[in-house]
Amino acid sequence: MSSGPIVAEEGAYATAATAAAATGVASAVQATGPTLLDGLAEALAAVLPPGSHVVVHWRDAVCGEGLSAVEGASHALRANAARCISNPAESVNGGSEIAWDDGQARMVVVATLAKPQPAGVMEAWRGLARRTVEASLAAARAQAQVASLRKSQRLQQALYEIADLAGSGLEMDEMLGRIHEVVGGLMYALNFFIVLYDAATRTIRFLYFADALDPYMAQPDLEISIDELPNSLTVALLHGGLPLQGPSEQLRRALGVKRDLAHGPDSADWLGVPMWRDDRVSGAIVVQSYDRPGMYSDEDRALLEYVAQHIQTALDRKHAQVELERRVYERTLELQQANLVLQAEIVERQRAERLQRALYKITELSVTTGSLERFYAEVHNLVGELLYARNFYIALLTTDGEQIEFPYSVDERDSLRITRKRGTGLTEYVITHGVALLADRARIADLEAAGSVRSHGSHAQSWLGVPLVRDGMVVGAIAVQSYTPDIVFTPRDQELLTFVAHHIGAGLARKRTQEHLKAAHSELEFRVESRTQELAGANRELRAQIGERMRAEQRLTHQARHDALTGLPNRPHLLERLDDAISKARSREGACFGVLFLDLDRFKLINDSIGHAAGDEMLVEVGRRIAAVLGDTGVVARFGGDEFAILADPLDGPDASEALATRILEALGKPLWIGGRELFPSASIGIALWQPRYRLGEELLRDADAAMYRAKAEGRDRSALFDEAMRAHAIRLLDLEADLRRAILGDSFVPHFQPIVRLTDGAIVGHEALLRWNHDLHGPLPPGEFVGVGEDSGLIEQVDWLLYERVIGWLHSHPEGYVSINVSPRHFRSDDFAERLLRMLDDARADPHRLRIEITEVALLDDAPRALRMLNVLRQHGVLALLDDFGTGFSALSYLHRFPIQALKIDRSFVAGLDGETRAESLALVRAILALANTLGIDTIGEGIETVVQRDTLAELGCGYGQGYLLGTPEAQAMRGNVPLDA
């Protein structure tokens, strides 16, 4: 518990104790006074002659008014004492009468003597009487104060106990029972109950009930309508909201409540006080005595009122604790459910990763293993990693299709499977029907009974077989089986084995082809093995890239003023600070501050390779490092993704801003361990310094962003300061966008045709249509000058359709060769692209078989199902697809075999390296690409051929076609004919 509530409660206890003392001293005197003051008269008479009578009368602010008289004192003597006590102005000190004031009390002593006494004796007796009475009153006062303090201490201790019980972990019934014990220590509370009241539902609940005569047991959850209790004093108390005290019969008459035997016998004394919450009656506490009238005093009422509020606080705390526990329990259940979902996702992802590794391994085995027997064994091992495969075999049809041979078989019971004539076994069932078969013992028995199959060898309890397909024909089957009922194959295993079998079939076909090639061309064995190794290396590299992309999960979260991931301020927060800094800078001479816009280099690779969780961890660490460098001199904010913006205020000038950027880059460049990998982050930083021309923070951010892109363009891991040249460039881009819109309206775009040549004889087989813009001022512009603006503004699609219309019109008037057009990934996001292109061909009466579309891997991977659907529609109508810039993206075998790709275009960066310093690396990559294309039956076109060495090398490696400035430059009208091979 914090110190604040404790102090407040102690103050409340002290107030309660003081209030009780104010009303309790008199009662304390009444309890203790007789032991000190009642014997005063006898004590003073004892020193007088026997038979004398003495009366002592006093009126004290603490002890109150009292009288002490010897037995037999006359009424006249008592009246004389009362007369003297009632006349404070009169002081008597003579004879047998004394009346005086000492500032705290009025005291009177009168006596009648049995016989006269000398004056000196009486004088001594009067002095003795004064001292005795004053001392006795002083002692009574002290004793009363001691009793009052003890009572206050008991009250304060009780309140502390109630507060402790309110914060304890006790169950509600036990806590209320303990509170009952505490109240019973302060007053008579044998009959005690607590009731809660809900004004909204007009119901009450007996939270606690203890009574000597009534055996009723409290049911805290039972709600009772107050309409069912019209004659209840408790309900009257709740309606009135004021304490009630006195005999129950008297209270009923005063409140107009009828006598009702259902509410038990009348009480000799009844005390009830309301409980309050937020200025509304929330319940009541009642104590009562059945046989002792006058049991409760005003002090008890005040005490019970105070205790009631503490009990209400205790109930509120207990209710809050129960509610908190309920919410914690519900949240725990939610987290457990989320954890189960996450674990299922992890298991599924691990399963997918194992499957992906197995598929790549199968592809690799098809070109790396030395023999078919070794290939089969390795495939068996890979299948065993995915499902139960202790009993596994591969069955293949012979060339004539009449027999089944088993080139590989591992089995616990049937150690040998010999070639047999094709019959009606389970294996033949799968091969004949061309579909997978998952059967348990009962299903197998049903098939046998129906005459569909006849089992061979030992009977399996669970059998799973899937067909092996090559070139669209079933050539065999793969089967696994279990001889124990404990191991049963599932539809998930069937799906998995079917998927694997597809790759095994392709790999087996490749392997068998290699075996035939080795037998026919043994002298080429070394070259085949070398190329196989290169392809395997390329496949491993491509597998790593695809795995990284598959694991990428991007998460961007924006909150009101702070980023949910890093806890840093977000864009709106930083803009407020920027606007405030601009306002202050305008009123301060020589003020200087700046904005640094930071973007992490290749951050997407982190997400794609080791996952979004690791990326999030890196973003948190990057934010922490930037904040550590910045210190108290500014603000760092995260805008989302891998973008951060920094307000550096104050700054000493441009040099200081660049020095700050350098320190940030150095801090980011330190090694960082994430996801079990050591990373070295880097970033590009753009800097914009405040100038009087800036009016809003958005303007500073815009210029810093532009400078950041300049830093990226210059090589990343550096900073760039925004200057007027950048501003001029930005304005030029705006002007270029306006020119582009006018050019679309004026149809200022023309195609230039670059020939595509067959490398073996130089024959032109087709052209690639390249976009050119006839700008009014700058003349013909290549795509690199304006495509970026078109992509950003969304205008590039309109430009493309203008170009496609020109190209298709050219096709109609030039009946030889094909033309390929470049298709942006944007077009593949449109559902009607294929239909629109085919309709344009139909309207122009052009042959669709002479049109090719060039697409990039991004278009395939962006929305694979949609891309596959469009490509199939186009291919059905004769329009084939070329995969452009192959080798620079994912270059995924698992994607290539799914899509109807007619040719791969080898990127110009690899072709350029064939006669440069990177010749060895380029040769390896080109060989791998050609081997991959050859395996899939896809044509290849080398791009950017500019030298004879490049052309000859591609031809020697087996590349079928090429294009480049050596073979023909882009022209507004395509030229026909051949290109000499010795050009």
Foldseek 3Di string as FASTA:
>chain_A
DDPVVVVVLLVVLVVLLVVLLVVQLQVLLVVVVCVQPQCLFVVLCVVAPPPKWKKKWKAFPRPGTDIHIDPPDDPVQVVVQVVLQVDQVDADDDDQWGWHDDPGMTIIMGMDHPDDDDRVVSNVSSVVSVVSVVVSVVVSSVSSVVVSVVLSVLLSVLSVLLLVLLPDPDDQQVSVVVNLVSLVVNFPFQWKWKKWADPVQQWIFTSAGGDPPDPDGGDRVDTHHCVVVQQDVQVVCQVVQAKDKAKPVVVCVVSVHDDDCVVPDTFLMKIKHFEDDPNHTTIMMIGTHRPDHPRDDVSSNSSVNVSRPSVVSSVVSVVVVVVVVVVVVVVVVVVVVVVVVVVVVVVVVVLVVLLLVLLLVLLLCLQADDAPLVSVVVNLVSLVVNAPFQWKWWWFADPVRQKIATPDTHHPFPRDDGIDGQDQAPFNLCQVVQAKDKDAQVRVVVCVVVVRHDYDDDDFRIKIKHFADDPRHTGGIMMGTHRDPVDGDDVVSNVSVNVSSPSNSLSVVSNVVVVVCCVVCVVCVVVSSVLSVLLSVVSVVLSQQQQLQVQADFDWDDDDFAGPLQRFGEDVNVQVVLLVLLVVVVVDPPFKKKKKKKAWPPLSSVRSRQHVVLSSVLLNVLVVLLCVLQDPQWGWGDHIDRMIMIIGPGAPDPVRVQVSVVSSQVSQQDWDATNNDTDGIAIFMFMEMDDNVDNGPVVRVVQRVLQSVVRVVVPGRHYGYRDVVSVVVVVVLVVLLVQLVVCLVVLQKFWWWFFKAFLVFQATQATETFIWGQRPPPGTDGCVVPVVSCVVVVNVVSVQVSHLLNVLLVQLVDVGHAYEYEDELVLLVDQCSLVVSVVSNVVSVGQQLRYEYEYEVCSCPVDPVSVQVSQVSSVVSNYAYEYECPPPHSNHLVSVLSHRHAEYEHHQVLLVCCPPPNNVVSLSSLSSVVVSCVSSVHAYEYEADDDLSSSVSCVVSPHGIYTHVQSGDTGSDDDHDGDGSVD
